[in-house]
Amino acid sequence: MARKKRTFTPVRAVPKAEVQPVLTVPEMGAILGLSRASAYGAAHRGEVPVVRAGKRLMIPTAELRKLLGLPTT
């Protein structure tokens, strides 16, 4: 039986913090090339910076850019 070729969704650019101060977990996952489940798992394990607003998890864009070694401004 032939293996199905794996395809990956393109990784999108990290927006500037001035333009989009926070990201949703699925947006962060798309940037890092993670599935939705893996992105939420990383957020719950504390592998990425998270701000909670009630049950909602948000990723500060400046902190994500810093984590990735990108300029924050």
PDB file of N, CA and C in Angstrom:
ATOM      1  N   MET A   1       0.836  -1.167   0.000  1.00  0.00           N
ATOM      2  CA  MET A   1       0.000   0.000   0.000  1.00  0.00           C
ATOM      3  C   MET A   1       0.893   1.246   0.000  1.00  0.00           C
ATOM      4  N   ALA A   2       0.617   2.160  -0.907  1.00  0.00           N
ATOM      5  CA  ALA A   2       1.419   3.371  -1.036  1.00  0.00           C
ATOM      6  C   ALA A   2       1.083   4.343   0.090  1.00  0.00           C
ATOM      7  N   ARG A   3       2.100   4.999   0.587  1.00  0.00           N
ATOM      8  CA  ARG A   3       1.898   6.004   1.626  1.00  0.00           C
ATOM      9  C   ARG A   3       1.392   7.291   1.004  1.00  0.00           C
ATOM     10  N   LYS A   4       0.499   7.925   1.707  1.00  0.00           N
ATOM     11  CA  LYS A   4       0.002   9.214   1.260  1.00  0.00           C
ATOM     12  C   LYS A   4       1.075  10.265   1.504  1.00  0.00           C
ATOM     13  N   LYS A   5       1.317  11.096   0.511  1.00  0.00           N
ATOM     14  CA  LYS A   5       2.321  12.143   0.642  1.00  0.00           C
ATOM     15  C   LYS A   5       1.840  13.192   1.639  1.00  0.00           C
ATOM     16  N   ARG A   6       2.685  13.521   2.596  1.00  0.00           N
ATOM     17  CA  ARG A   6       2.338  14.526   3.593  1.00  0.00           C
ATOM     18  C   ARG A   6       2.468  15.913   2.999  1.00  0.00           C
ATOM     19  N   THR A   7       1.489  16.731   3.248  1.00  0.00           N
ATOM     20  CA  THR A   7       1.552  18.123   2.814  1.00  0.00           C
ATOM     21  C   THR A   7       1.434  19.006   4.045  1.00  0.00           C
ATOM     22  N   PHE A   8       2.053  20.137   3.998  1.00  0.00           N
ATOM     23  CA  PHE A   8       2.028  21.084   5.102  1.00  0.00           C
ATOM     24  C   PHE A   8       1.429  22.390   4.625  1.00  0.00           C
ATOM     25  N   THR A   9       0.662  23.017   5.502  1.00  0.00           N
ATOM     26  CA  THR A   9       0.122  24.324   5.162  1.00  0.00           C
ATOM     27  C   THR A   9       1.242  25.343   5.260  1.00  0.00           C
ATOM     28  N   PRO A  10       1.228  26.340   4.404  1.00  0.00           N
ATOM     29  CA  PRO A  10       2.294  27.340   4.466  1.00  0.00           C
ATOM     30  C   PRO A  10       2.273  28.106   5.783  1.00  0.00           C
ATOM     31  N   VAL A  11       3.433  28.402   6.263  1.00  0.00           N
ATOM     32  CA  VAL A  11       3.569  29.181   7.490  1.00  0.00           C
ATOM     33  C   VAL A  11       3.396  30.648   7.117  1.00  0.00           C
ATOM     34  N   ARG A  12       2.510  31.321   7.824  1.00  0.00           N
ATOM     35  CA  ARG A  12       2.285  32.729   7.510  1.00  0.00           C
ATOM     36  C   ARG A  12       3.175  33.624   8.353  1.00  0.00           C
ATOM     37  N   ALA A  13       3.280  34.869   7.953  1.00  0.00           N
ATOM     38  CA  ALA A  13       4.158  35.823   8.631  1.00  0.00           C
ATOM     39  C   ALA A  13       3.566  36.220   9.985  1.00  0.00           C
ATOM     40  N   VAL A  14       4.447  36.532  10.912  1.00  0.00           N
ATOM     41  CA  VAL A  14       4.020  37.008  12.232  1.00  0.00           C
ATOM     42  C   VAL A  14       3.710  38.496  12.098  1.00  0.00           C
ATOM     43  N   PRO A  15       2.485  38.914  12.427  1.00  0.00           N
ATOM     44  CA  PRO A  15       2.156  40.337  12.298  1.00  0.00           C
ATOM     45  C   PRO A  15       2.925  41.182  13.310  1.00  0.00           C
ATOM     46  N   LYS A  16       3.051  42.460  13.034  1.00  0.00           N
ATOM     47  CA  LYS A  16       3.688  43.370  13.989  1.00  0.00           C
ATOM     48  C   LYS A  16       2.733  43.600  15.155  1.00  0.00           C
ATOM     49  N   ALA A  17       3.290  43.776  16.327  1.00  0.00           N
ATOM     50  CA  ALA A  17       2.486  43.942  17.540  1.00  0.00           C
ATOM     51  C   ALA A  17       1.629  45.200  17.484  1.00  0.00           C
ATOM     52  N   GLU A  18       2.082  46.224  16.776  1.00  0.00           N
ATOM     53  CA  GLU A  18       1.310  47.455  16.665  1.00  0.00           C
ATOM     54  C   GLU A  18       0.055  47.241  15.820  1.00  0.00           C
ATOM     55  N   VAL A  19       0.134  46.340  14.869  1.00  0.00           N
ATOM     56  CA  VAL A  19      -0.980  46.072  13.965  1.00  0.00           C
ATOM     57  C   VAL A  19      -1.970  45.107  14.602  1.00  0.00           C
ATOM     58  N   GLN A  20      -1.468  44.043  15.194  1.00  0.00           N
ATOM     59  CA  GLN A  20      -2.309  43.020  15.831  1.00  0.00           C
ATOM     60  C   GLN A  20      -1.668  42.650  17.165  1.00  0.00           C
ATOM     61  N   PRO A  21      -2.112  43.279  18.261  1.00  0.00           N
ATOM     62  CA  PRO A  21      -1.455  43.074  19.561  1.00  0.00           C
ATOM     63  C   PRO A  21      -1.546  41.653  20.106  1.00  0.00           C
ATOM     64  N   VAL A  22      -2.628  40.934  19.811  1.00  0.00           N
ATOM     65  CA  VAL A  22      -2.774  39.555  20.284  1.00  0.00           C
ATOM     66  C   VAL A  22      -3.231  38.660  19.143  1.00  0.00           C
ATOM     67  N   LEU A  23      -2.897  37.384  19.281  1.00  0.00           N
ATOM     68  CA  LEU A  23      -3.300  36.371  18.315  1.00  0.00           C
ATOM     69  C   LEU A  23      -4.164  35.341  19.020  1.00  0.00           C
ATOM     70  N   THR A  24      -5.037  34.708  18.257  1.00  0.00           N
ATOM     71  CA  THR A  24      -5.759  33.569  18.813  1.00  0.00           C
ATOM     72  C   THR A  24      -4.827  32.364  18.769  1.00  0.00           C
ATOM     73  N   VAL A  25      -5.168  31.327  19.491  1.00  0.00           N
ATOM     74  CA  VAL A  25      -4.333  30.123  19.491  1.00  0.00           C
ATOM     75  C   VAL A  25      -4.284  29.501  18.092  1.00  0.00           C
ATOM     76  N   PRO A  26      -5.419  29.389  17.365  1.00  0.00           N
ATOM     77  CA  PRO A  26      -5.328  28.848  16.003  1.00  0.00           C
ATOM     78  C   PRO A  26      -4.465  29.706  15.061  1.00  0.00           C
ATOM     79  N   GLU A  27      -4.492  31.040  15.223  1.00  0.00           N
ATOM     80  CA  GLU A  27      -3.628  31.905  14.413  1.00  0.00           C
ATOM     81  C   GLU A  27      -2.162  31.632  14.718  1.00  0.00           C
ATOM     82  N   MET A  28      -1.836  31.492  15.999  1.00  0.00           N
ATOM     83  CA  MET A  28      -0.460  31.172  16.387  1.00  0.00           C
ATOM     84  C   MET A  28      -0.042  29.826  15.799  1.00  0.00           C
ATOM     85  N   GLY A  29      -0.952  28.867  15.828  1.00  0.00           N
ATOM     86  CA  GLY A  29      -0.663  27.555  15.253  1.00  0.00           C
ATOM     87  C   GLY A  29      -0.386  27.638  13.766  1.00  0.00           C
ATOM     88  N   ALA A  30      -1.158  28.446  13.060  1.00  0.00           N
ATOM     89  CA  ALA A  30      -0.939  28.618  11.620  1.00  0.00           C
ATOM     90  C   ALA A  30       0.422  29.235  11.343  1.00  0.00           C
ATOM     91  N   ILE A  31       0.829  30.177  12.171  1.00  0.00           N
ATOM     92  CA  ILE A  31       2.137  30.818  12.006  1.00  0.00           C
ATOM     93  C   ILE A  31       3.261  29.815  12.219  1.00  0.00           C
ATOM     94  N   LEU A  32       3.110  28.966  13.236  1.00  0.00           N
ATOM     95  CA  LEU A  32       4.157  28.007  13.569  1.00  0.00           C
ATOM     96  C   LEU A  32       4.039  26.689  12.810  1.00  0.00           C
ATOM     97  N   GLY A  33       2.983  26.546  12.029  1.00  0.00           N
ATOM     98  CA  GLY A  33       2.801  25.311  11.272  1.00  0.00           C
ATOM     99  C   GLY A  33       2.302  24.162  12.127  1.00  0.00           C
ATOM    100  N   LEU A  34       1.523  24.478  13.170  1.00  0.00           N
ATOM    101  CA  LEU A  34       0.986  23.472  14.076  1.00  0.00           C
ATOM    102  C   LEU A  34      -0.502  23.253  13.803  1.00  0.00           C
ATOM    103  N   SER A  35      -0.968  22.070  14.128  1.00  0.00           N
ATOM    104  CA  SER A  35      -2.405  21.825  14.059  1.00  0.00           C
ATOM    105  C   SER A  35      -3.077  22.600  15.186  1.00  0.00           C
ATOM    106  N   ARG A  36      -4.386  22.713  15.105  1.00  0.00           N
ATOM    107  CA  ARG A  36      -5.137  23.419  16.139  1.00  0.00           C
ATOM    108  C   ARG A  36      -4.934  22.734  17.494  1.00  0.00           C
ATOM    109  N   ALA A  37      -5.007  21.410  17.514  1.00  0.00           N
ATOM    110  CA  ALA A  37      -4.832  20.662  18.767  1.00  0.00           C
ATOM    111  C   ALA A  37      -3.426  20.848  19.336  1.00  0.00           C
ATOM    112  N   SER A  38      -2.410  20.814  18.479  1.00  0.00           N
ATOM    113  CA  SER A  38      -1.032  21.009  18.953  1.00  0.00           C
ATOM    114  C   SER A  38      -0.823  22.422  19.470  1.00  0.00           C
ATOM    115  N   ALA A  39      -1.448  23.404  18.819  1.00  0.00           N
ATOM    116  CA  ALA A  39      -1.326  24.791  19.265  1.00  0.00           C
ATOM    117  C   ALA A  39      -1.947  24.964  20.642  1.00  0.00           C
ATOM    118  N   TYR A  40      -3.146  24.395  20.865  1.00  0.00           N
ATOM    119  CA  TYR A  40      -3.770  24.485  22.185  1.00  0.00           C
ATOM    120  C   TYR A  40      -2.963  23.711  23.222  1.00  0.00           C
ATOM    121  N   GLY A  41      -2.398  22.586  22.833  1.00  0.00           N
ATOM    122  CA  GLY A  41      -1.561  21.822  23.752  1.00  0.00           C
ATOM    123  C   GLY A  41      -0.348  22.623  24.198  1.00  0.00           C
ATOM    124  N   ALA A  42       0.312  23.297  23.254  1.00  0.00           N
ATOM    125  CA  ALA A  42       1.472  24.125  23.583  1.00  0.00           C
ATOM    126  C   ALA A  42       1.073  25.266  24.507  1.00  0.00           C
ATOM    127  N   ALA A  43      -0.086  25.850  24.274  1.00  0.00           N
ATOM    128  CA  ALA A  43      -0.556  26.950  25.124  1.00  0.00           C
ATOM    129  C   ALA A  43      -0.845  26.448  26.541  1.00  0.00           C
ATOM    130  N   HIS A  44      -1.494  25.311  26.661  1.00  0.00           N
ATOM    131  CA  HIS A  44      -1.823  24.775  27.984  1.00  0.00           C
ATOM    132  C   HIS A  44      -0.583  24.309  28.748  1.00  0.00           C
ATOM    133  N   ARG A  45       0.440  23.851  28.024  1.00  0.00           N
ATOM    134  CA  ARG A  45       1.689  23.413  28.687  1.00  0.00           C
ATOM    135  C   ARG A  45       2.605  24.582  29.021  1.00  0.00           C
ATOM    136  N   GLY A  46       2.264  25.782  28.588  1.00  0.00           N
ATOM    137  CA  GLY A  46       3.083  26.954  28.874  1.00  0.00           C
ATOM    138  C   GLY A  46       4.283  27.106  27.960  1.00  0.00           C
ATOM    139  N   GLU A  47       4.264  26.447  26.811  1.00  0.00           N
ATOM    140  CA  GLU A  47       5.379  26.526  25.867  1.00  0.00           C
ATOM    141  C   GLU A  47       5.368  27.827  25.082  1.00  0.00           C
ATOM    142  N   VAL A  48       4.248  28.510  25.073  1.00  0.00           N
ATOM    143  CA  VAL A  48       4.125  29.830  24.450  1.00  0.00           C
ATOM    144  C   VAL A  48       3.466  30.750  25.478  1.00  0.00           C
ATOM    145  N   PRO A  49       3.775  32.042  25.433  1.00  0.00           N
ATOM    146  CA  PRO A  49       3.164  32.968  26.394  1.00  0.00           C
ATOM    147  C   PRO A  49       1.668  33.106  26.121  1.00  0.00           C
ATOM    148  N   VAL A  50       0.870  33.055  27.176  1.00  0.00           N
ATOM    149  CA  VAL A  50      -0.584  33.105  27.041  1.00  0.00           C
ATOM    150  C   VAL A  50      -1.167  34.122  28.005  1.00  0.00           C
ATOM    151  N   VAL A  51      -2.158  34.861  27.530  1.00  0.00           N
ATOM    152  CA  VAL A  51      -2.950  35.748  28.374  1.00  0.00           C
ATOM    153  C   VAL A  51      -4.361  35.182  28.369  1.00  0.00           C
ATOM    154  N   ARG A  52      -4.917  35.013  29.561  1.00  0.00           N
ATOM    155  CA  ARG A  52      -6.275  34.473  29.666  1.00  0.00           C
ATOM    156  C   ARG A  52      -7.262  35.611  29.912  1.00  0.00           C
ATOM    157  N   ALA A  53      -8.382  35.539  29.211  1.00  0.00           N
ATOM    158  CA  ALA A  53      -9.508  36.440  29.442  1.00  0.00           C
ATOM    159  C   ALA A  53     -10.724  35.539  29.593  1.00  0.00           C
ATOM    160  N   GLY A  54     -11.038  35.208  30.829  1.00  0.00           N
ATOM    161  CA  GLY A  54     -12.077  34.210  31.072  1.00  0.00           C
ATOM    162  C   GLY A  54     -11.570  32.857  30.603  1.00  0.00           C
ATOM    163  N   LYS A  55     -12.304  32.227  29.697  1.00  0.00           N
ATOM    164  CA  LYS A  55     -11.868  30.941  29.131  1.00  0.00           C
ATOM    165  C   LYS A  55     -11.038  31.118  27.871  1.00  0.00           C
ATOM    166  N   ARG A  56     -10.992  32.327  27.366  1.00  0.00           N
ATOM    167  CA  ARG A  56     -10.302  32.584  26.103  1.00  0.00           C
ATOM    168  C   ARG A  56      -8.800  32.713  26.316  1.00  0.00           C
ATOM    169  N   LEU A  57      -8.034  32.063  25.445  1.00  0.00           N
ATOM    170  CA  LEU A  57      -6.572  32.156  25.473  1.00  0.00           C
ATOM    171  C   LEU A  57      -6.116  33.056  24.334  1.00  0.00           C
ATOM    172  N   MET A  58      -5.253  34.003  24.636  1.00  0.00           N
ATOM    173  CA  MET A  58      -4.709  34.898  23.626  1.00  0.00           C
ATOM    174  C   MET A  58      -3.194  34.911  23.738  1.00  0.00           C
ATOM    175  N   ILE A  59      -2.542  35.038  22.614  1.00  0.00           N
ATOM    176  CA  ILE A  59      -1.081  35.047  22.551  1.00  0.00           C
ATOM    177  C   ILE A  59      -0.623  36.475  22.258  1.00  0.00           C
ATOM    178  N   PRO A  60       0.133  37.118  23.154  1.00  0.00           N
ATOM    179  CA  PRO A  60       0.654  38.455  22.857  1.00  0.00           C
ATOM    180  C   PRO A  60       1.654  38.381  21.688  1.00  0.00           C
ATOM    181  N   THR A  61       1.379  39.156  20.662  1.00  0.00           N
ATOM    182  CA  THR A  61       2.204  39.114  19.456  1.00  0.00           C
ATOM    183  C   THR A  61       3.654  39.487  19.752  1.00  0.00           C
ATOM    184  N   ALA A  62       3.869  40.501  20.579  1.00  0.00           N
ATOM    185  CA  ALA A  62       5.240  40.924  20.894  1.00  0.00           C
ATOM    186  C   ALA A  62       6.009  39.798  21.586  1.00  0.00           C
ATOM    187  N   GLU A  63       5.343  39.079  22.503  1.00  0.00           N
ATOM    188  CA  GLU A  63       6.001  37.981  23.208  1.00  0.00           C
ATOM    189  C   GLU A  63       6.316  36.818  22.262  1.00  0.00           C
ATOM    190  N   LEU A  64       5.405  36.533  21.327  1.00  0.00           N
ATOM    191  CA  LEU A  64       5.660  35.470  20.355  1.00  0.00           C
ATOM    192  C   LEU A  64       6.823  35.844  19.451  1.00  0.00           C
ATOM    193  N   ARG A  65       6.863  37.111  19.022  1.00  0.00           N
ATOM    194  CA  ARG A  65       7.977  37.570  18.174  1.00  0.00           C
ATOM    195  C   ARG A  65       9.306  37.449  18.934  1.00  0.00           C
ATOM    196  N   LYS A  66       9.298  37.781  20.229  1.00  0.00           N
ATOM    197  CA  LYS A  66      10.505  37.678  21.050  1.00  0.00           C
ATOM    198  C   LYS A  66      10.929  36.216  21.175  1.00  0.00           C
ATOM    199  N   LEU A  67       9.961  35.322  21.404  1.00  0.00           N
ATOM    200  CA  LEU A  67      10.236  33.894  21.524  1.00  0.00           C
ATOM    201  C   LEU A  67      10.861  33.335  20.246  1.00  0.00           C
ATOM    202  N   LEU A  68      10.433  33.860  19.102  1.00  0.00           N
ATOM    203  CA  LEU A  68      10.946  33.410  17.810  1.00  0.00           C
ATOM    204  C   LEU A  68      12.231  34.128  17.385  1.00  0.00           C
ATOM    205  N   GLY A  69      12.680  35.071  18.198  1.00  0.00           N
ATOM    206  CA  GLY A  69      13.911  35.801  17.880  1.00  0.00           C
ATOM    207  C   GLY A  69      13.707  36.869  16.818  1.00  0.00           C
ATOM    208  N   LEU A  70      12.481  37.359  16.683  1.00  0.00           N
ATOM    209  CA  LEU A  70      12.174  38.419  15.714  1.00  0.00           C
ATOM    210  C   LEU A  70      12.120  39.751  16.423  1.00  0.00           C
ATOM    211  N   PRO A  71      12.359  40.837  15.701  1.00  0.00           N
ATOM    212  CA  PRO A  71      12.257  42.166  16.352  1.00  0.00           C
ATOM    213  C   PRO A  71      10.829  42.411  16.801  1.00  0.00           C
ATOM    214  N   THR A  72      10.671  43.026  17.964  1.00  0.00           N
ATOM    215  CA  THR A  72       9.333  43.265  18.513  1.00  0.00           C
ATOM    216  C   THR A  72       8.731  44.561  18.044  1.00  0.00           C
ATOM    217  N   THR A  73       9.487  45.388  17.367  1.00  0.00           N
ATOM    218  CA  THR A  73       8.935  46.675  16.874  1.00  0.00           C
ATOM    219  C   THR A  73       8.823  46.680  15.376  1.00  0.00           C
TER     220      THR A  73
END
